[in-house]
Amino acid sequence: MSWTLVAAVALPALAGLLGSVGGSHRGVTTRSTVVLTALSLAAALVAAAAVAVDGPLSVVVERSDGSALVGLHADRVGVVLLALICGVSTVVQGFAGRYLRGDARAQRFHAV
């Protein structure tokens, strides 16, 4: 279940990248960022359930020599905060997508 921790962290970054390079397809980009942030919320909630059942989650990417390159660790407080942040982000992205619909500079909001 550690893939959910990676997804909850990586999907908002992917949404930001997609929002910044969206180009002329603003409506598609706005929907895509909202969907990706909603998926990150779902992944955070699954990770929270996994932590509640199995205990803390850890994901480590190692180099070929066995040393750690990057890692993620989530305990109960960490996944609660992750779910809270992903939830607020989903609400904000959804509201902004509806509020800025038709605005010529709407993509600037999603690119930040």
N, C-alpha and C. Protein backbone atom coordinates (compact mmCIF):
# COMPACT_ATOMS: atom_id res chain seq x y z
N MET A 1 0.81 -1.20 0.00
CA MET A 1 0.00 0.00 0.00
C MET A 1 0.84 1.26 0.00
N SER A 2 2.15 1.11 -0.07
CA SER A 2 3.01 2.30 -0.06
C SER A 2 2.91 3.08 -1.36
N TRP A 3 2.38 2.45 -2.44
CA TRP A 3 2.20 3.18 -3.69
C TRP A 3 1.20 4.31 -3.51
N THR A 4 0.27 4.16 -2.56
CA THR A 4 -0.71 5.23 -2.33
C THR A 4 -0.03 6.47 -1.76
N LEU A 5 0.98 6.27 -0.95
CA LEU A 5 1.73 7.40 -0.41
C LEU A 5 2.46 8.15 -1.52
N VAL A 6 3.06 7.40 -2.42
CA VAL A 6 3.76 8.03 -3.55
C VAL A 6 2.75 8.75 -4.44
N ALA A 7 1.60 8.13 -4.71
CA ALA A 7 0.58 8.75 -5.56
C ALA A 7 0.03 10.02 -4.93
N ALA A 8 -0.18 10.01 -3.62
CA ALA A 8 -0.73 11.18 -2.94
C ALA A 8 0.23 12.36 -2.99
N VAL A 9 1.51 12.09 -3.08
CA VAL A 9 2.51 13.16 -3.16
C VAL A 9 2.79 13.55 -4.61
N ALA A 10 2.80 12.58 -5.52
CA ALA A 10 3.19 12.85 -6.91
C ALA A 10 2.06 13.44 -7.75
N LEU A 11 0.82 13.08 -7.49
CA LEU A 11 -0.28 13.55 -8.33
C LEU A 11 -0.48 15.07 -8.28
N PRO A 12 -0.39 15.73 -7.12
CA PRO A 12 -0.49 17.19 -7.14
C PRO A 12 0.66 17.84 -7.91
N ALA A 13 1.84 17.24 -7.84
CA ALA A 13 2.97 17.78 -8.62
C ALA A 13 2.70 17.62 -10.12
N LEU A 14 2.12 16.50 -10.50
CA LEU A 14 1.75 16.28 -11.90
C LEU A 14 0.66 17.26 -12.33
N ALA A 15 -0.29 17.54 -11.45
CA ALA A 15 -1.34 18.51 -11.76
C ALA A 15 -0.76 19.90 -11.96
N GLY A 16 0.20 20.28 -11.14
CA GLY A 16 0.85 21.58 -11.31
C GLY A 16 1.62 21.66 -12.60
N LEU A 17 2.30 20.59 -12.95
CA LEU A 17 3.03 20.56 -14.21
C LEU A 17 2.08 20.63 -15.39
N LEU A 18 0.99 19.89 -15.32
CA LEU A 18 0.00 19.91 -16.39
C LEU A 18 -0.65 21.29 -16.51
N GLY A 19 -0.91 21.92 -15.38
CA GLY A 19 -1.50 23.25 -15.40
C GLY A 19 -0.58 24.30 -15.99
N SER A 20 0.72 24.12 -15.81
CA SER A 20 1.65 25.12 -16.31
C SER A 20 1.96 24.95 -17.79
N VAL A 21 1.76 23.78 -18.36
CA VAL A 21 2.04 23.56 -19.78
C VAL A 21 0.77 23.28 -20.56
N GLY A 22 -0.38 23.66 -20.03
CA GLY A 22 -1.67 23.32 -20.64
C GLY A 22 -1.88 23.89 -22.02
N GLY A 23 -1.36 25.05 -22.31
CA GLY A 23 -1.50 25.62 -23.64
C GLY A 23 -2.91 26.08 -23.94
N SER A 24 -3.38 25.78 -25.13
CA SER A 24 -4.66 26.29 -25.59
C SER A 24 -5.85 25.47 -25.10
N HIS A 25 -5.64 24.35 -24.50
CA HIS A 25 -6.73 23.49 -24.04
C HIS A 25 -7.03 23.79 -22.57
N ARG A 26 -7.47 25.00 -22.29
CA ARG A 26 -7.66 25.42 -20.90
C ARG A 26 -8.73 24.61 -20.18
N GLY A 27 -9.85 24.34 -20.86
CA GLY A 27 -10.91 23.58 -20.20
C GLY A 27 -10.47 22.18 -19.84
N VAL A 28 -9.76 21.53 -20.73
CA VAL A 28 -9.26 20.19 -20.47
C VAL A 28 -8.24 20.22 -19.34
N THR A 29 -7.36 21.23 -19.36
CA THR A 29 -6.34 21.34 -18.33
C THR A 29 -6.97 21.57 -16.96
N THR A 30 -7.98 22.43 -16.89
CA THR A 30 -8.65 22.70 -15.62
C THR A 30 -9.31 21.44 -15.08
N ARG A 31 -10.01 20.72 -15.93
CA ARG A 31 -10.63 19.46 -15.49
C ARG A 31 -9.58 18.45 -15.08
N SER A 32 -8.48 18.41 -15.81
CA SER A 32 -7.42 17.45 -15.49
C SER A 32 -6.79 17.74 -14.14
N THR A 33 -6.56 19.01 -13.83
CA THR A 33 -5.96 19.34 -12.53
C THR A 33 -6.91 19.00 -11.39
N VAL A 34 -8.20 19.23 -11.59
CA VAL A 34 -9.17 18.89 -10.55
C VAL A 34 -9.23 17.38 -10.36
N VAL A 35 -9.22 16.64 -11.45
CA VAL A 35 -9.26 15.17 -11.36
C VAL A 35 -8.01 14.64 -10.67
N LEU A 36 -6.85 15.18 -11.03
CA LEU A 36 -5.60 14.71 -10.41
C LEU A 36 -5.56 15.04 -8.91
N THR A 37 -6.03 16.21 -8.52
CA THR A 37 -6.04 16.52 -7.09
C THR A 37 -7.07 15.66 -6.35
N ALA A 38 -8.19 15.35 -7.00
CA ALA A 38 -9.17 14.45 -6.37
C ALA A 38 -8.59 13.04 -6.22
N LEU A 39 -7.84 12.60 -7.22
CA LEU A 39 -7.19 11.29 -7.12
C LEU A 39 -6.13 11.28 -6.01
N SER A 40 -5.45 12.41 -5.83
CA SER A 40 -4.47 12.48 -4.74
C SER A 40 -5.17 12.42 -3.39
N LEU A 41 -6.35 13.02 -3.29
CA LEU A 41 -7.12 12.92 -2.05
C LEU A 41 -7.53 11.47 -1.79
N ALA A 42 -7.98 10.79 -2.83
CA ALA A 42 -8.35 9.37 -2.67
C ALA A 42 -7.14 8.54 -2.24
N ALA A 43 -5.99 8.79 -2.86
CA ALA A 43 -4.78 8.06 -2.49
C ALA A 43 -4.37 8.37 -1.05
N ALA A 44 -4.52 9.62 -0.63
CA ALA A 44 -4.18 9.99 0.75
C ALA A 44 -5.11 9.30 1.75
N LEU A 45 -6.38 9.19 1.40
CA LEU A 45 -7.32 8.52 2.29
C LEU A 45 -7.04 7.02 2.37
N VAL A 46 -6.67 6.41 1.25
CA VAL A 46 -6.29 4.99 1.27
C VAL A 46 -5.01 4.80 2.09
N ALA A 47 -4.06 5.72 1.94
CA ALA A 47 -2.83 5.65 2.74
C ALA A 47 -3.14 5.81 4.22
N ALA A 48 -4.08 6.70 4.54
CA ALA A 48 -4.47 6.89 5.95
C ALA A 48 -5.09 5.62 6.51
N ALA A 49 -5.92 4.95 5.71
CA ALA A 49 -6.51 3.70 6.16
C ALA A 49 -5.44 2.63 6.34
N ALA A 50 -4.47 2.60 5.44
CA ALA A 50 -3.38 1.63 5.55
C ALA A 50 -2.53 1.87 6.79
N VAL A 51 -2.28 3.13 7.10
CA VAL A 51 -1.51 3.46 8.31
C VAL A 51 -2.31 3.10 9.56
N ALA A 52 -3.61 3.33 9.53
CA ALA A 52 -4.44 2.99 10.68
C ALA A 52 -4.46 1.49 10.94
N VAL A 53 -4.39 0.69 9.89
CA VAL A 53 -4.45 -0.77 10.04
C VAL A 53 -3.07 -1.37 10.27
N ASP A 54 -2.10 -0.99 9.43
CA ASP A 54 -0.79 -1.66 9.44
C ASP A 54 0.33 -0.89 10.12
N GLY A 55 0.11 0.36 10.45
CA GLY A 55 1.17 1.17 11.04
C GLY A 55 1.83 2.04 9.99
N PRO A 56 2.92 2.71 10.35
CA PRO A 56 3.57 3.67 9.45
C PRO A 56 4.01 3.05 8.12
N LEU A 57 3.95 3.88 7.06
CA LEU A 57 4.38 3.48 5.73
C LEU A 57 5.71 4.14 5.41
N SER A 58 6.55 3.42 4.70
CA SER A 58 7.82 3.96 4.24
C SER A 58 8.09 3.52 2.82
N VAL A 59 8.60 4.45 2.02
CA VAL A 59 9.00 4.16 0.65
C VAL A 59 10.39 4.76 0.47
N VAL A 60 11.33 3.94 0.02
CA VAL A 60 12.71 4.40 -0.18
C VAL A 60 13.15 4.01 -1.58
N VAL A 61 13.69 4.98 -2.31
CA VAL A 61 14.30 4.72 -3.61
C VAL A 61 15.80 4.67 -3.38
N GLU A 62 16.40 3.54 -3.74
CA GLU A 62 17.83 3.34 -3.48
C GLU A 62 18.63 3.39 -4.77
N ARG A 63 19.87 3.78 -4.63
CA ARG A 63 20.81 3.72 -5.74
C ARG A 63 21.27 2.28 -5.92
N SER A 64 22.02 2.04 -6.98
CA SER A 64 22.48 0.67 -7.24
C SER A 64 23.45 0.17 -6.17
N ASP A 65 24.13 1.08 -5.46
CA ASP A 65 25.05 0.66 -4.42
C ASP A 65 24.37 0.45 -3.07
N GLY A 66 23.05 0.63 -3.02
CA GLY A 66 22.30 0.38 -1.79
C GLY A 66 22.05 1.60 -0.93
N SER A 67 22.63 2.74 -1.26
CA SER A 67 22.39 3.94 -0.47
C SER A 67 21.07 4.58 -0.88
N ALA A 68 20.42 5.23 0.06
CA ALA A 68 19.11 5.83 -0.19
C ALA A 68 19.25 7.11 -1.01
N LEU A 69 18.42 7.23 -2.02
CA LEU A 69 18.39 8.42 -2.85
C LEU A 69 17.31 9.37 -2.36
N VAL A 70 16.12 8.87 -2.17
CA VAL A 70 15.00 9.66 -1.66
C VAL A 70 14.04 8.71 -0.95
N GLY A 71 13.31 9.24 0.01
CA GLY A 71 12.38 8.39 0.74
C GLY A 71 11.21 9.17 1.30
N LEU A 72 10.13 8.48 1.54
CA LEU A 72 8.94 9.04 2.16
C LEU A 72 8.57 8.17 3.36
N HIS A 73 8.15 8.80 4.42
CA HIS A 73 7.71 8.08 5.61
C HIS A 73 6.45 8.77 6.11
N ALA A 74 5.44 8.00 6.42
CA ALA A 74 4.18 8.57 6.89
C ALA A 74 3.69 7.81 8.11
N ASP A 75 3.44 8.55 9.16
CA ASP A 75 2.81 7.99 10.35
C ASP A 75 1.38 8.53 10.42
N ARG A 76 0.71 8.34 11.54
CA ARG A 76 -0.70 8.75 11.65
C ARG A 76 -0.89 10.25 11.47
N VAL A 77 -0.07 11.03 12.11
CA VAL A 77 -0.20 12.49 11.98
C VAL A 77 0.12 12.93 10.56
N GLY A 78 1.12 12.33 9.95
CA GLY A 78 1.51 12.69 8.59
C GLY A 78 0.42 12.43 7.57
N VAL A 79 -0.24 11.27 7.66
CA VAL A 79 -1.29 10.97 6.67
C VAL A 79 -2.55 11.80 6.92
N VAL A 80 -2.81 12.15 8.17
CA VAL A 80 -3.95 13.04 8.43
C VAL A 80 -3.69 14.41 7.81
N LEU A 81 -2.49 14.93 7.98
CA LEU A 81 -2.14 16.21 7.37
C LEU A 81 -2.13 16.12 5.85
N LEU A 82 -1.64 15.02 5.31
CA LEU A 82 -1.64 14.82 3.86
C LEU A 82 -3.06 14.80 3.32
N ALA A 83 -3.95 14.09 3.99
CA ALA A 83 -5.35 14.05 3.56
C ALA A 83 -6.01 15.42 3.68
N LEU A 84 -5.71 16.16 4.73
CA LEU A 84 -6.27 17.50 4.90
C LEU A 84 -5.80 18.43 3.78
N ILE A 85 -4.52 18.40 3.48
CA ILE A 85 -3.97 19.27 2.44
C ILE A 85 -4.53 18.88 1.08
N CYS A 86 -4.60 17.60 0.78
CA CYS A 86 -5.15 17.16 -0.50
C CYS A 86 -6.64 17.50 -0.61
N GLY A 87 -7.37 17.40 0.49
CA GLY A 87 -8.79 17.75 0.49
C GLY A 87 -9.02 19.22 0.23
N VAL A 88 -8.27 20.06 0.92
CA VAL A 88 -8.40 21.51 0.70
C VAL A 88 -8.00 21.88 -0.72
N SER A 89 -6.93 21.25 -1.21
CA SER A 89 -6.49 21.50 -2.58
C SER A 89 -7.55 21.10 -3.60
N THR A 90 -8.22 19.99 -3.37
CA THR A 90 -9.27 19.56 -4.28
C THR A 90 -10.43 20.55 -4.30
N VAL A 91 -10.82 21.03 -3.14
CA VAL A 91 -11.91 22.00 -3.05
C VAL A 91 -11.52 23.31 -3.74
N VAL A 92 -10.32 23.79 -3.50
CA VAL A 92 -9.86 25.04 -4.11
C VAL A 92 -9.76 24.90 -5.62
N GLN A 93 -9.19 23.80 -6.11
CA GLN A 93 -9.07 23.61 -7.55
C GLN A 93 -10.45 23.51 -8.21
N GLY A 94 -11.37 22.81 -7.57
CA GLY A 94 -12.73 22.70 -8.12
C GLY A 94 -13.44 24.04 -8.16
N PHE A 95 -13.35 24.80 -7.08
CA PHE A 95 -13.97 26.12 -7.04
C PHE A 95 -13.34 27.04 -8.09
N ALA A 96 -12.03 27.05 -8.16
CA ALA A 96 -11.34 27.92 -9.11
C ALA A 96 -11.68 27.54 -10.54
N GLY A 97 -11.80 26.25 -10.82
CA GLY A 97 -12.16 25.83 -12.17
C GLY A 97 -13.53 26.34 -12.58
N ARG A 98 -14.48 26.32 -11.65
CA ARG A 98 -15.81 26.84 -11.96
C ARG A 98 -15.83 28.36 -12.00
N TYR A 99 -15.17 28.99 -11.07
CA TYR A 99 -15.20 30.45 -10.96
C TYR A 99 -14.46 31.12 -12.12
N LEU A 100 -13.36 30.54 -12.55
CA LEU A 100 -12.54 31.16 -13.60
C LEU A 100 -12.90 30.68 -15.00
N ARG A 101 -13.96 29.90 -15.13
CA ARG A 101 -14.36 29.41 -16.45
C ARG A 101 -14.65 30.60 -17.36
N GLY A 102 -14.03 30.60 -18.51
CA GLY A 102 -14.24 31.68 -19.47
C GLY A 102 -13.28 32.85 -19.33
N ASP A 103 -12.52 32.89 -18.25
CA ASP A 103 -11.54 33.97 -18.06
C ASP A 103 -10.30 33.67 -18.91
N ALA A 104 -9.83 34.69 -19.61
CA ALA A 104 -8.68 34.51 -20.50
C ALA A 104 -7.40 34.18 -19.73
N ARG A 105 -7.30 34.62 -18.48
CA ARG A 105 -6.08 34.39 -17.71
C ARG A 105 -6.24 33.30 -16.66
N ALA A 106 -7.20 32.43 -16.84
CA ALA A 106 -7.47 31.38 -15.84
C ALA A 106 -6.29 30.42 -15.69
N GLN A 107 -5.57 30.18 -16.76
CA GLN A 107 -4.45 29.23 -16.70
C GLN A 107 -3.36 29.72 -15.76
N ARG A 108 -3.23 31.01 -15.56
CA ARG A 108 -2.19 31.54 -14.66
C ARG A 108 -2.43 31.05 -13.23
N PHE A 109 -3.68 30.89 -12.84
CA PHE A 109 -3.97 30.38 -11.50
C PHE A 109 -3.47 28.95 -11.34
N HIS A 110 -3.72 28.13 -12.33
CA HIS A 110 -3.34 26.71 -12.24
C HIS A 110 -1.85 26.51 -12.42
N ALA A 111 -1.17 27.49 -12.99
CA ALA A 111 0.26 27.35 -13.21
C ALA A 111 1.07 27.66 -11.98
N VAL A 112 0.51 28.31 -11.00
CA VAL A 112 1.27 28.73 -9.82
C VAL A 112 1.49 27.60 -8.87
